[in-house]
Amino acid sequence: MMSFLRVPTCRTCLQRLSGVSSQQIRTKTKAAKKGITVRLLEDLPKVGRKGSIVTVAPGRMRNNLYQRGFAEYMTAAALKNVPESELTQQPDTTFIPVAEPEVLSKVELNRLKPAHTISLIETFLPTTLQFSRPTVSPNDTTIHGSISTADICSAVRAIAAASGDEASRVAITPDMITFMDEEEGVDKVKTLGEHKFQIKLKGAVHPVVRAVAITQQVSLE
């Protein structure tokens, strides 16, 4: 009669058959849970301050901290040169970095408030800006080319730059300028004469109203 070998299902019996003792398994498990020592390169919430030396899980260091440049590995040789007072075994779970105040760019620091900008423009900008252009024929009022909001913007900037340090800080763009006697969306005029325009800034109550006078350019020939 044939007998069958019964395979043990007890964990201890399986360990005995495989030649691995429970002591060896416990040692390996403990080693796997042991962290590695790293130096933080950035302030990390609930981990520690930049420059701190802490122990973290190998997977966390490999997949997160190291890849993102938040920490660096510490070799045994490097650790020998670290004072004992700087060694920290566990991450500081109570550490929360203090947010630094927002640093304004030079442009933002140099920017004038809308109301003050309007006041300065009212002061340095003459009531009429003079332009001269040739006409398509001697008796025609239609000029060659045009005078656009970009032309007026360039003129305003040039006058501002020559009107002192504060006025030179005035920031004007063509989209802030509109012709008052033209259809909406028209950004240029093509005839001799006087054309009113306004400079309007977002946040300012009132615009600056001025005029551009286009006279006929006389040929010297």
N, C-alpha and C. Protein backbone atom coordinates (compact mmCIF):
# COMPACT_ATOMS: atom_id res chain seq x y z
N MET A 1 0.85 -1.18 0.00
CA MET A 1 0.00 0.00 0.00
C MET A 1 0.89 1.23 0.00
N MET A 2 0.55 2.20 -0.95
CA MET A 2 1.38 3.37 -1.10
C MET A 2 0.99 4.42 -0.05
N SER A 3 2.00 4.99 0.58
CA SER A 3 1.75 6.05 1.57
C SER A 3 2.18 7.39 0.99
N PHE A 4 1.55 8.44 1.33
CA PHE A 4 1.85 9.78 0.83
C PHE A 4 2.55 10.60 1.92
N LEU A 5 3.54 11.38 1.45
CA LEU A 5 4.26 12.26 2.37
C LEU A 5 3.44 13.51 2.60
N ARG A 6 3.15 13.79 3.80
CA ARG A 6 2.35 14.97 4.13
C ARG A 6 3.27 16.19 4.27
N VAL A 7 2.94 17.25 3.49
CA VAL A 7 3.75 18.48 3.55
C VAL A 7 3.28 19.32 4.73
N PRO A 8 4.21 19.66 5.61
CA PRO A 8 3.81 20.45 6.78
C PRO A 8 3.39 21.86 6.38
N THR A 9 2.41 22.39 7.06
CA THR A 9 1.94 23.76 6.80
C THR A 9 2.30 24.69 7.94
N CYS A 10 2.81 24.18 9.01
CA CYS A 10 3.22 25.00 10.14
C CYS A 10 4.40 25.87 9.74
N ARG A 11 4.36 27.15 10.08
CA ARG A 11 5.44 28.08 9.70
C ARG A 11 6.76 27.66 10.30
N THR A 12 6.73 27.23 11.56
CA THR A 12 7.97 26.82 12.24
C THR A 12 8.56 25.59 11.57
N CYS A 13 7.67 24.64 11.17
CA CYS A 13 8.15 23.43 10.49
C CYS A 13 8.75 23.77 9.14
N LEU A 14 8.13 24.67 8.41
CA LEU A 14 8.66 25.08 7.10
C LEU A 14 10.02 25.75 7.25
N GLN A 15 10.15 26.58 8.29
CA GLN A 15 11.43 27.23 8.54
C GLN A 15 12.51 26.19 8.85
N ARG A 16 12.13 25.15 9.64
CA ARG A 16 13.09 24.11 9.99
C ARG A 16 13.52 23.33 8.77
N LEU A 17 12.55 23.00 7.87
CA LEU A 17 12.87 22.26 6.65
C LEU A 17 13.76 23.06 5.70
N SER A 18 13.52 24.38 5.65
CA SER A 18 14.31 25.21 4.74
C SER A 18 15.66 25.58 5.31
N GLY A 19 15.87 25.29 6.57
CA GLY A 19 17.16 25.59 7.18
C GLY A 19 17.29 27.02 7.64
N VAL A 20 16.19 27.77 7.65
CA VAL A 20 16.23 29.15 8.08
C VAL A 20 15.58 29.25 9.44
N SER A 21 16.30 29.75 10.39
CA SER A 21 15.77 29.84 11.74
C SER A 21 14.93 31.09 11.88
N SER A 22 14.05 31.09 12.86
CA SER A 22 13.21 32.25 13.13
C SER A 22 14.05 33.44 13.55
N GLN A 23 15.20 33.15 14.15
CA GLN A 23 16.09 34.21 14.57
C GLN A 23 16.63 34.97 13.37
N GLN A 24 16.98 34.19 12.27
CA GLN A 24 17.50 34.81 11.06
C GLN A 24 16.44 35.69 10.41
N ILE A 25 15.18 35.22 10.38
CA ILE A 25 14.10 35.98 9.76
C ILE A 25 13.85 37.26 10.53
N ARG A 26 13.88 37.17 11.87
CA ARG A 26 13.67 38.36 12.67
C ARG A 26 14.79 39.37 12.45
N THR A 27 16.01 38.87 12.28
CA THR A 27 17.16 39.76 12.06
C THR A 27 17.03 40.48 10.73
N LYS A 28 16.64 39.73 9.68
CA LYS A 28 16.48 40.33 8.36
C LYS A 28 15.36 41.36 8.36
N THR A 29 14.25 41.04 9.02
CA THR A 29 13.12 41.96 9.07
C THR A 29 13.51 43.25 9.78
N LYS A 30 14.26 43.12 10.85
CA LYS A 30 14.70 44.28 11.60
C LYS A 30 15.64 45.12 10.77
N ALA A 31 16.52 44.45 10.00
CA ALA A 31 17.47 45.19 9.16
C ALA A 31 16.76 45.93 8.06
N ALA A 32 15.68 45.31 7.53
CA ALA A 32 14.96 45.94 6.43
C ALA A 32 14.27 47.21 6.90
N LYS A 33 13.84 47.22 8.18
CA LYS A 33 13.15 48.37 8.71
C LYS A 33 14.10 49.48 9.14
N LYS A 34 15.37 49.20 9.25
CA LYS A 34 16.33 50.19 9.70
C LYS A 34 16.50 51.25 8.65
N GLY A 35 16.54 52.54 9.06
CA GLY A 35 16.67 53.63 8.11
C GLY A 35 18.11 53.92 7.76
N ILE A 36 18.29 54.91 6.88
CA ILE A 36 19.62 55.36 6.49
C ILE A 36 19.77 56.82 6.88
N THR A 37 21.00 57.22 7.09
CA THR A 37 21.28 58.58 7.54
C THR A 37 21.51 59.49 6.35
N VAL A 38 20.83 60.64 6.33
CA VAL A 38 20.92 61.59 5.22
C VAL A 38 21.03 63.01 5.78
N ARG A 39 21.51 63.91 4.93
CA ARG A 39 21.54 65.33 5.29
C ARG A 39 20.49 66.07 4.46
N LEU A 40 19.67 66.87 5.11
CA LEU A 40 18.61 67.61 4.42
C LEU A 40 19.20 68.82 3.71
N LEU A 41 18.79 69.02 2.46
CA LEU A 41 19.25 70.16 1.66
C LEU A 41 18.20 71.26 1.60
N GLU A 42 17.02 71.00 2.15
CA GLU A 42 15.94 71.98 2.20
C GLU A 42 15.18 71.83 3.51
N ASP A 43 14.50 72.89 3.93
CA ASP A 43 13.59 72.78 5.07
C ASP A 43 12.42 71.90 4.66
N LEU A 44 12.18 70.83 5.40
CA LEU A 44 11.09 69.91 5.07
C LEU A 44 10.13 69.80 6.26
N PRO A 45 8.85 70.12 6.03
CA PRO A 45 7.88 70.02 7.12
C PRO A 45 7.85 68.62 7.71
N LYS A 46 7.84 68.54 9.03
CA LYS A 46 7.75 67.30 9.78
C LYS A 46 8.93 66.35 9.53
N VAL A 47 10.02 66.90 8.99
CA VAL A 47 11.25 66.11 8.81
C VAL A 47 12.41 66.80 9.49
N GLY A 48 12.64 68.07 9.14
CA GLY A 48 13.72 68.79 9.78
C GLY A 48 14.16 70.01 9.00
N ARG A 49 15.06 70.77 9.62
CA ARG A 49 15.57 72.00 9.01
C ARG A 49 16.72 71.68 8.05
N LYS A 50 16.91 72.55 7.07
CA LYS A 50 18.00 72.40 6.12
C LYS A 50 19.33 72.25 6.85
N GLY A 51 20.11 71.25 6.47
CA GLY A 51 21.40 70.98 7.11
C GLY A 51 21.32 69.92 8.19
N SER A 52 20.10 69.59 8.63
CA SER A 52 19.95 68.57 9.67
C SER A 52 20.31 67.19 9.12
N ILE A 53 20.83 66.34 10.01
CA ILE A 53 21.16 64.97 9.65
C ILE A 53 20.16 64.06 10.35
N VAL A 54 19.35 63.36 9.55
CA VAL A 54 18.29 62.54 10.11
C VAL A 54 18.31 61.15 9.48
N THR A 55 17.58 60.26 10.11
CA THR A 55 17.45 58.90 9.61
C THR A 55 16.07 58.73 8.98
N VAL A 56 16.05 58.28 7.73
CA VAL A 56 14.78 58.09 7.03
C VAL A 56 14.76 56.71 6.39
N ALA A 57 13.60 56.29 5.95
CA ALA A 57 13.47 54.99 5.29
C ALA A 57 14.21 55.02 3.95
N PRO A 58 14.90 53.95 3.59
CA PRO A 58 15.64 53.91 2.32
C PRO A 58 14.78 54.21 1.10
N GLY A 59 13.55 53.66 1.10
CA GLY A 59 12.66 53.89 -0.04
C GLY A 59 12.26 55.35 -0.17
N ARG A 60 12.04 56.00 0.95
CA ARG A 60 11.66 57.41 0.91
C ARG A 60 12.80 58.26 0.38
N MET A 61 14.02 57.92 0.81
CA MET A 61 15.18 58.67 0.33
C MET A 61 15.39 58.43 -1.16
N ARG A 62 15.31 57.18 -1.56
CA ARG A 62 15.59 56.82 -2.96
C ARG A 62 14.54 57.38 -3.92
N ASN A 63 13.27 57.27 -3.56
CA ASN A 63 12.19 57.61 -4.49
C ASN A 63 11.69 59.04 -4.38
N ASN A 64 12.03 59.72 -3.30
CA ASN A 64 11.47 61.05 -3.09
C ASN A 64 12.54 62.09 -2.79
N LEU A 65 13.16 62.00 -1.62
CA LEU A 65 14.06 63.05 -1.16
C LEU A 65 15.26 63.24 -2.07
N TYR A 66 15.90 62.15 -2.47
CA TYR A 66 17.11 62.26 -3.29
C TYR A 66 16.78 62.74 -4.70
N GLN A 67 15.74 62.16 -5.29
CA GLN A 67 15.37 62.52 -6.66
C GLN A 67 14.97 63.98 -6.78
N ARG A 68 14.36 64.53 -5.76
CA ARG A 68 13.88 65.91 -5.81
C ARG A 68 14.89 66.90 -5.24
N GLY A 69 16.07 66.40 -4.88
CA GLY A 69 17.12 67.29 -4.39
C GLY A 69 16.89 67.80 -2.99
N PHE A 70 16.09 67.07 -2.19
CA PHE A 70 15.78 67.51 -0.84
C PHE A 70 16.81 67.00 0.19
N ALA A 71 17.58 65.98 -0.19
CA ALA A 71 18.52 65.41 0.78
C ALA A 71 19.67 64.73 0.04
N GLU A 72 20.77 64.52 0.75
CA GLU A 72 21.92 63.82 0.19
C GLU A 72 22.33 62.68 1.11
N TYR A 73 22.91 61.66 0.53
CA TYR A 73 23.36 60.51 1.31
C TYR A 73 24.58 60.90 2.14
N MET A 74 24.68 60.30 3.32
CA MET A 74 25.84 60.51 4.19
C MET A 74 26.63 59.21 4.29
N THR A 75 27.88 59.26 3.86
CA THR A 75 28.74 58.09 3.95
C THR A 75 29.28 57.96 5.37
N ALA A 76 29.83 56.78 5.67
CA ALA A 76 30.40 56.56 7.00
C ALA A 76 31.56 57.52 7.25
N ALA A 77 32.34 57.77 6.20
CA ALA A 77 33.48 58.68 6.34
C ALA A 77 33.02 60.09 6.64
N ALA A 78 31.92 60.52 5.97
CA ALA A 78 31.40 61.87 6.18
C ALA A 78 30.82 62.02 7.59
N LEU A 79 30.19 60.94 8.08
CA LEU A 79 29.59 61.00 9.40
C LEU A 79 30.63 61.15 10.51
N LYS A 80 31.85 60.66 10.27
CA LYS A 80 32.91 60.77 11.29
C LYS A 80 33.28 62.22 11.57
N ASN A 81 33.06 63.09 10.56
CA ASN A 81 33.44 64.50 10.72
C ASN A 81 32.29 65.36 11.23
N VAL A 82 31.14 64.73 11.51
CA VAL A 82 29.98 65.49 11.99
C VAL A 82 29.95 65.46 13.51
N PRO A 83 29.88 66.63 14.16
CA PRO A 83 29.79 66.65 15.62
C PRO A 83 28.58 65.87 16.10
N GLU A 84 28.72 65.23 17.23
CA GLU A 84 27.64 64.41 17.76
C GLU A 84 26.39 65.24 18.04
N SER A 85 26.60 66.52 18.36
CA SER A 85 25.46 67.39 18.67
C SER A 85 24.59 67.64 17.45
N GLU A 86 25.13 67.43 16.24
CA GLU A 86 24.37 67.67 15.01
C GLU A 86 23.66 66.43 14.50
N LEU A 87 23.91 65.30 15.12
CA LEU A 87 23.29 64.06 14.68
C LEU A 87 21.90 63.92 15.28
N THR A 88 20.94 63.64 14.46
CA THR A 88 19.55 63.44 14.92
C THR A 88 19.10 62.07 14.42
N GLN A 89 18.60 61.26 15.30
CA GLN A 89 18.21 59.90 14.93
C GLN A 89 16.90 59.86 14.14
N GLN A 90 15.92 60.63 14.59
CA GLN A 90 14.60 60.56 13.98
C GLN A 90 14.20 61.92 13.40
N PRO A 91 13.38 61.93 12.33
CA PRO A 91 12.89 63.20 11.78
C PRO A 91 12.12 63.98 12.83
N ASP A 92 12.18 65.29 12.76
CA ASP A 92 11.46 66.16 13.69
C ASP A 92 10.05 66.36 13.15
N THR A 93 9.12 65.58 13.65
CA THR A 93 7.73 65.62 13.15
C THR A 93 7.00 66.89 13.58
N THR A 94 7.61 67.69 14.46
CA THR A 94 6.97 68.93 14.91
C THR A 94 7.47 70.14 14.14
N PHE A 95 8.46 69.93 13.25
CA PHE A 95 9.06 71.07 12.54
C PHE A 95 8.18 71.55 11.40
N ILE A 96 7.85 72.84 11.41
CA ILE A 96 7.09 73.48 10.33
C ILE A 96 7.88 74.72 9.90
N PRO A 97 8.36 74.77 8.66
CA PRO A 97 9.14 75.94 8.21
C PRO A 97 8.32 77.21 8.29
N VAL A 98 8.97 78.30 8.67
CA VAL A 98 8.32 79.60 8.71
C VAL A 98 8.40 80.21 7.31
N ALA A 99 7.24 80.56 6.76
CA ALA A 99 7.21 81.13 5.41
C ALA A 99 7.93 82.46 5.39
N GLU A 100 8.86 82.62 4.42
CA GLU A 100 9.58 83.87 4.29
C GLU A 100 8.69 84.91 3.61
N PRO A 101 8.87 86.20 3.95
CA PRO A 101 8.05 87.24 3.31
C PRO A 101 8.31 87.28 1.82
N GLU A 102 7.26 87.54 1.06
CA GLU A 102 7.38 87.59 -0.39
C GLU A 102 8.28 88.74 -0.80
N VAL A 103 9.24 88.43 -1.66
CA VAL A 103 10.17 89.44 -2.12
C VAL A 103 9.64 90.05 -3.41
N LEU A 104 9.43 91.36 -3.39
CA LEU A 104 8.92 92.04 -4.57
C LEU A 104 10.03 92.26 -5.58
N SER A 105 9.71 92.12 -6.85
CA SER A 105 10.70 92.37 -7.89
C SER A 105 10.96 93.86 -7.99
N LYS A 106 12.07 94.22 -8.66
CA LYS A 106 12.41 95.63 -8.83
C LYS A 106 11.32 96.36 -9.60
N VAL A 107 10.70 95.67 -10.55
CA VAL A 107 9.63 96.29 -11.34
C VAL A 107 8.45 96.63 -10.44
N GLU A 108 8.08 95.70 -9.54
CA GLU A 108 6.94 95.94 -8.66
C GLU A 108 7.24 97.05 -7.66
N LEU A 109 8.49 97.08 -7.16
CA LEU A 109 8.87 98.12 -6.22
C LEU A 109 8.89 99.48 -6.89
N ASN A 110 9.17 99.50 -8.18
CA ASN A 110 9.31 100.75 -8.91
C ASN A 110 8.01 101.23 -9.52
N ARG A 111 6.94 100.45 -9.38
CA ARG A 111 5.68 100.76 -10.03
C ARG A 111 4.90 101.79 -9.22
N LEU A 112 4.38 102.79 -9.93
CA LEU A 112 3.58 103.83 -9.28
C LEU A 112 2.12 103.40 -9.22
N LYS A 113 1.40 103.94 -8.25
CA LYS A 113 -0.02 103.65 -8.16
C LYS A 113 -0.75 104.39 -9.29
N PRO A 114 -1.88 103.83 -9.78
CA PRO A 114 -2.59 104.44 -10.91
C PRO A 114 -2.93 105.91 -10.71
N ALA A 115 -3.45 106.26 -9.53
CA ALA A 115 -3.84 107.65 -9.28
C ALA A 115 -2.64 108.58 -9.34
N HIS A 116 -1.51 108.12 -8.81
CA HIS A 116 -0.30 108.95 -8.83
C HIS A 116 0.24 109.06 -10.24
N THR A 117 0.14 107.99 -11.01
CA THR A 117 0.59 108.02 -12.40
C THR A 117 -0.21 109.05 -13.20
N ILE A 118 -1.53 109.05 -13.03
CA ILE A 118 -2.39 110.01 -13.72
C ILE A 118 -2.02 111.43 -13.33
N SER A 119 -1.75 111.63 -12.04
CA SER A 119 -1.39 112.96 -11.56
C SER A 119 -0.09 113.45 -12.20
N LEU A 120 0.86 112.57 -12.34
CA LEU A 120 2.14 112.94 -12.96
C LEU A 120 1.95 113.27 -14.44
N ILE A 121 1.16 112.45 -15.13
CA ILE A 121 0.92 112.70 -16.56
C ILE A 121 0.22 114.05 -16.75
N GLU A 122 -0.73 114.35 -15.89
CA GLU A 122 -1.41 115.65 -15.96
C GLU A 122 -0.41 116.79 -15.81
N THR A 123 0.65 116.55 -15.04
CA THR A 123 1.63 117.60 -14.76
C THR A 123 2.60 117.82 -15.92
N PHE A 124 3.16 116.73 -16.46
CA PHE A 124 4.22 116.91 -17.45
C PHE A 124 3.76 116.88 -18.90
N LEU A 125 2.56 116.37 -19.17
CA LEU A 125 2.14 116.23 -20.56
C LEU A 125 1.44 117.49 -21.07
N PRO A 126 1.92 118.10 -22.14
CA PRO A 126 1.27 119.31 -22.67
C PRO A 126 -0.13 119.00 -23.18
N THR A 127 -0.93 120.04 -23.35
CA THR A 127 -2.31 119.85 -23.78
C THR A 127 -2.40 119.31 -25.21
N THR A 128 -1.38 119.59 -26.01
CA THR A 128 -1.40 119.14 -27.40
C THR A 128 -0.03 118.58 -27.79
N LEU A 129 -0.05 117.43 -28.43
CA LEU A 129 1.17 116.84 -28.98
C LEU A 129 1.20 117.14 -30.48
N GLN A 130 2.34 117.66 -30.94
CA GLN A 130 2.46 118.09 -32.32
C GLN A 130 3.13 117.02 -33.19
N PHE A 131 2.48 116.70 -34.32
CA PHE A 131 3.04 115.80 -35.32
C PHE A 131 2.90 116.46 -36.69
N SER A 132 3.81 116.16 -37.59
CA SER A 132 3.68 116.64 -38.97
C SER A 132 3.88 115.47 -39.92
N ARG A 133 3.02 115.44 -40.94
CA ARG A 133 3.07 114.35 -41.90
C ARG A 133 2.78 114.92 -43.30
N PRO A 134 3.39 114.34 -44.34
CA PRO A 134 3.05 114.77 -45.71
C PRO A 134 1.67 114.25 -46.08
N THR A 135 0.98 114.98 -46.93
CA THR A 135 -0.34 114.55 -47.39
C THR A 135 -0.21 113.84 -48.73
N VAL A 136 -1.25 113.12 -49.11
CA VAL A 136 -1.21 112.37 -50.36
C VAL A 136 -1.20 113.30 -51.58
N SER A 137 -1.73 114.53 -51.40
CA SER A 137 -1.68 115.55 -52.45
C SER A 137 -1.71 116.91 -51.77
N PRO A 138 -1.28 117.96 -52.44
CA PRO A 138 -1.19 119.28 -51.80
C PRO A 138 -2.48 119.78 -51.18
N ASN A 139 -3.60 119.50 -51.79
CA ASN A 139 -4.88 120.02 -51.29
C ASN A 139 -5.70 118.98 -50.53
N ASP A 140 -5.09 117.89 -50.17
CA ASP A 140 -5.81 116.80 -49.47
C ASP A 140 -5.42 116.81 -47.99
N THR A 141 -6.34 116.41 -47.15
CA THR A 141 -6.05 116.34 -45.70
C THR A 141 -5.61 114.94 -45.26
N THR A 142 -5.68 114.02 -46.21
CA THR A 142 -5.28 112.65 -45.87
C THR A 142 -3.75 112.56 -45.86
N ILE A 143 -3.21 112.01 -44.81
CA ILE A 143 -1.76 111.95 -44.67
C ILE A 143 -1.22 110.60 -45.13
N HIS A 144 0.06 110.62 -45.50
CA HIS A 144 0.74 109.36 -45.78
C HIS A 144 0.94 108.63 -44.45
N GLY A 145 0.56 107.38 -44.37
CA GLY A 145 0.69 106.64 -43.12
C GLY A 145 -0.41 107.03 -42.16
N SER A 146 -0.05 107.14 -40.88
CA SER A 146 -1.04 107.48 -39.86
C SER A 146 -0.32 107.86 -38.57
N ILE A 147 -1.10 108.38 -37.63
CA ILE A 147 -0.63 108.59 -36.26
C ILE A 147 -1.41 107.60 -35.39
N SER A 148 -0.71 106.68 -34.77
CA SER A 148 -1.36 105.62 -34.00
C SER A 148 -1.21 105.85 -32.50
N THR A 149 -1.92 105.03 -31.75
CA THR A 149 -1.78 105.08 -30.29
C THR A 149 -0.36 104.71 -29.87
N ALA A 150 0.31 103.88 -30.67
CA ALA A 150 1.70 103.53 -30.38
C ALA A 150 2.60 104.75 -30.55
N ASP A 151 2.32 105.59 -31.55
CA ASP A 151 3.10 106.83 -31.75
C ASP A 151 2.91 107.77 -30.56
N ILE A 152 1.66 107.90 -30.11
CA ILE A 152 1.38 108.76 -28.96
C ILE A 152 2.06 108.21 -27.71
N CYS A 153 2.01 106.89 -27.54
CA CYS A 153 2.64 106.24 -26.38
C CYS A 153 4.14 106.53 -26.36
N SER A 154 4.79 106.44 -27.51
CA SER A 154 6.23 106.72 -27.60
C SER A 154 6.53 108.17 -27.23
N ALA A 155 5.67 109.09 -27.67
CA ALA A 155 5.85 110.50 -27.37
C ALA A 155 5.70 110.76 -25.87
N VAL A 156 4.68 110.13 -25.26
CA VAL A 156 4.45 110.30 -23.82
C VAL A 156 5.64 109.76 -23.03
N ARG A 157 6.16 108.63 -23.42
CA ARG A 157 7.32 108.05 -22.73
C ARG A 157 8.54 108.94 -22.84
N ALA A 158 8.75 109.52 -24.01
CA ALA A 158 9.91 110.40 -24.21
C ALA A 158 9.81 111.65 -23.34
N ILE A 159 8.59 112.21 -23.26
CA ILE A 159 8.39 113.40 -22.43
C ILE A 159 8.56 113.03 -20.95
N ALA A 160 8.04 111.86 -20.56
CA ALA A 160 8.17 111.41 -19.17
C ALA A 160 9.63 111.22 -18.78
N ALA A 161 10.41 110.62 -19.68
CA ALA A 161 11.83 110.37 -19.40
C ALA A 161 12.61 111.66 -19.20
N ALA A 162 12.14 112.73 -19.84
CA ALA A 162 12.84 114.02 -19.75
C ALA A 162 12.28 114.90 -18.64
N SER A 163 11.33 114.38 -17.86
CA SER A 163 10.64 115.21 -16.86
C SER A 163 11.03 114.88 -15.43
N GLY A 164 12.14 114.20 -15.23
CA GLY A 164 12.58 113.91 -13.87
C GLY A 164 12.49 112.44 -13.52
N ASP A 165 13.14 112.08 -12.41
CA ASP A 165 13.22 110.67 -12.00
C ASP A 165 11.86 110.04 -11.75
N GLU A 166 10.98 110.76 -11.05
CA GLU A 166 9.68 110.18 -10.72
C GLU A 166 8.83 110.01 -11.97
N ALA A 167 8.82 111.02 -12.83
CA ALA A 167 8.02 110.93 -14.05
C ALA A 167 8.54 109.82 -14.96
N SER A 168 9.84 109.57 -14.93
CA SER A 168 10.41 108.52 -15.78
C SER A 168 9.94 107.13 -15.38
N ARG A 169 9.33 107.01 -14.20
CA ARG A 169 8.82 105.73 -13.75
C ARG A 169 7.41 105.45 -14.26
N VAL A 170 6.82 106.41 -14.93
CA VAL A 170 5.46 106.24 -15.46
C VAL A 170 5.47 105.14 -16.53
N ALA A 171 4.59 104.18 -16.38
CA ALA A 171 4.49 103.05 -17.32
C ALA A 171 3.22 103.19 -18.14
N ILE A 172 3.39 103.45 -19.44
CA ILE A 172 2.26 103.62 -20.34
C ILE A 172 2.40 102.65 -21.51
N THR A 173 1.31 102.03 -21.89
CA THR A 173 1.29 101.13 -23.05
C THR A 173 0.20 101.60 -24.03
N PRO A 174 0.33 101.28 -25.32
CA PRO A 174 -0.64 101.75 -26.32
C PRO A 174 -2.09 101.38 -26.01
N ASP A 175 -2.32 100.24 -25.37
CA ASP A 175 -3.70 99.84 -25.09
C ASP A 175 -4.37 100.72 -24.04
N MET A 176 -3.61 101.59 -23.36
CA MET A 176 -4.19 102.52 -22.40
C MET A 176 -4.69 103.80 -23.08
N ILE A 177 -4.39 103.95 -24.37
CA ILE A 177 -4.71 105.17 -25.10
C ILE A 177 -5.82 104.89 -26.12
N THR A 178 -6.82 105.76 -26.16
CA THR A 178 -7.90 105.64 -27.14
C THR A 178 -8.23 107.00 -27.72
N PHE A 179 -8.58 107.02 -29.02
CA PHE A 179 -9.03 108.26 -29.66
C PHE A 179 -10.50 108.48 -29.32
N MET A 180 -10.84 109.68 -28.89
CA MET A 180 -12.18 109.94 -28.38
C MET A 180 -13.19 110.22 -29.49
N ASP A 181 -12.73 110.75 -30.62
CA ASP A 181 -13.66 111.12 -31.70
C ASP A 181 -13.74 110.07 -32.80
N GLU A 182 -13.09 108.94 -32.58
CA GLU A 182 -13.10 107.89 -33.59
C GLU A 182 -14.00 106.74 -33.14
N GLU A 183 -14.29 105.86 -34.07
CA GLU A 183 -15.09 104.69 -33.72
C GLU A 183 -14.34 103.81 -32.73
N GLU A 184 -15.08 103.07 -31.96
CA GLU A 184 -14.47 102.20 -30.95
C GLU A 184 -13.58 101.16 -31.64
N GLY A 185 -12.39 101.00 -31.12
CA GLY A 185 -11.45 100.03 -31.67
C GLY A 185 -10.48 100.62 -32.67
N VAL A 186 -10.71 101.87 -33.12
CA VAL A 186 -9.80 102.52 -34.06
C VAL A 186 -8.59 103.04 -33.29
N ASP A 187 -7.40 102.58 -33.67
CA ASP A 187 -6.20 102.96 -32.92
C ASP A 187 -5.27 103.85 -33.71
N LYS A 188 -5.79 104.50 -34.76
CA LYS A 188 -4.95 105.41 -35.55
C LYS A 188 -5.83 106.42 -36.27
N VAL A 189 -5.24 107.58 -36.58
CA VAL A 189 -5.94 108.62 -37.35
C VAL A 189 -5.12 108.91 -38.60
N LYS A 190 -5.79 109.33 -39.69
CA LYS A 190 -5.12 109.46 -40.98
C LYS A 190 -5.37 110.80 -41.66
N THR A 191 -5.82 111.79 -40.89
CA THR A 191 -6.10 113.10 -41.48
C THR A 191 -5.45 114.21 -40.67
N LEU A 192 -5.21 115.34 -41.36
CA LEU A 192 -4.69 116.52 -40.68
C LEU A 192 -5.71 117.02 -39.68
N GLY A 193 -5.25 117.84 -38.74
CA GLY A 193 -6.17 118.42 -37.77
C GLY A 193 -5.89 117.96 -36.35
N GLU A 194 -6.82 118.28 -35.49
CA GLU A 194 -6.68 117.97 -34.07
C GLU A 194 -7.58 116.80 -33.70
N HIS A 195 -7.00 115.85 -33.00
CA HIS A 195 -7.75 114.65 -32.61
C HIS A 195 -7.55 114.43 -31.10
N LYS A 196 -8.66 114.38 -30.37
CA LYS A 196 -8.58 114.17 -28.92
C LYS A 196 -8.31 112.69 -28.60
N PHE A 197 -7.55 112.49 -27.56
CA PHE A 197 -7.32 111.12 -27.07
C PHE A 197 -7.31 111.15 -25.55
N GLN A 198 -7.47 109.97 -24.97
CA GLN A 198 -7.41 109.87 -23.51
C GLN A 198 -6.49 108.73 -23.10
N ILE A 199 -5.88 108.93 -21.96
CA ILE A 199 -5.02 107.89 -21.36
C ILE A 199 -5.75 107.41 -20.11
N LYS A 200 -6.13 106.16 -20.12
CA LYS A 200 -6.92 105.61 -19.01
C LYS A 200 -6.19 104.45 -18.37
N LEU A 201 -6.02 104.51 -17.07
CA LEU A 201 -5.34 103.44 -16.32
C LEU A 201 -6.35 102.70 -15.45
N LYS A 202 -6.21 101.41 -15.40
CA LYS A 202 -7.06 100.60 -14.53
C LYS A 202 -6.79 100.95 -13.08
N GLY A 203 -7.82 101.27 -12.37
CA GLY A 203 -7.67 101.64 -10.96
C GLY A 203 -7.70 103.13 -10.74
N ALA A 204 -7.60 103.93 -11.82
CA ALA A 204 -7.67 105.38 -11.70
C ALA A 204 -9.10 105.84 -11.97
N VAL A 205 -9.55 106.86 -11.26
CA VAL A 205 -10.93 107.32 -11.40
C VAL A 205 -11.13 108.08 -12.71
N HIS A 206 -10.20 108.98 -13.02
CA HIS A 206 -10.36 109.83 -14.19
C HIS A 206 -9.21 109.61 -15.18
N PRO A 207 -9.48 109.69 -16.48
CA PRO A 207 -8.41 109.59 -17.48
C PRO A 207 -7.76 110.95 -17.71
N VAL A 208 -6.63 110.93 -18.40
CA VAL A 208 -5.98 112.16 -18.85
C VAL A 208 -6.44 112.41 -20.28
N VAL A 209 -7.01 113.59 -20.52
CA VAL A 209 -7.50 113.93 -21.86
C VAL A 209 -6.56 114.96 -22.49
N ARG A 210 -6.08 114.63 -23.68
CA ARG A 210 -5.20 115.53 -24.42
C ARG A 210 -5.56 115.46 -25.90
N ALA A 211 -4.81 116.18 -26.72
CA ALA A 211 -5.08 116.19 -28.15
C ALA A 211 -3.77 116.03 -28.92
N VAL A 212 -3.88 115.46 -30.10
CA VAL A 212 -2.75 115.38 -31.01
C VAL A 212 -3.08 116.24 -32.23
N ALA A 213 -2.17 117.14 -32.57
CA ALA A 213 -2.38 118.04 -33.71
C ALA A 213 -1.45 117.61 -34.85
N ILE A 214 -2.04 117.25 -35.97
CA ILE A 214 -1.26 116.80 -37.12
C ILE A 214 -1.27 117.92 -38.16
N THR A 215 -0.09 118.43 -38.46
CA THR A 215 0.02 119.48 -39.45
C THR A 215 0.71 118.94 -40.70
N GLN A 216 0.52 119.66 -41.78
CA GLN A 216 1.08 119.20 -43.05
C GLN A 216 2.60 119.44 -43.08
N GLN A 217 3.29 118.40 -43.42
CA GLN A 217 4.75 118.48 -43.54
C GLN A 217 5.10 119.11 -44.88
N VAL A 218 5.87 120.20 -44.83
CA VAL A 218 6.22 120.93 -46.03
C VAL A 218 7.56 120.44 -46.57
N SER A 219 7.60 120.10 -47.84
CA SER A 219 8.83 119.65 -48.44
C SER A 219 9.80 120.79 -48.60
N LEU A 220 11.07 120.55 -48.37
CA LEU A 220 12.09 121.59 -48.50
C LEU A 220 12.60 121.72 -49.91
N GLU A 221 12.17 120.84 -50.80
CA GLU A 221 12.63 120.91 -52.18
C GLU A 221 11.99 122.08 -52.90
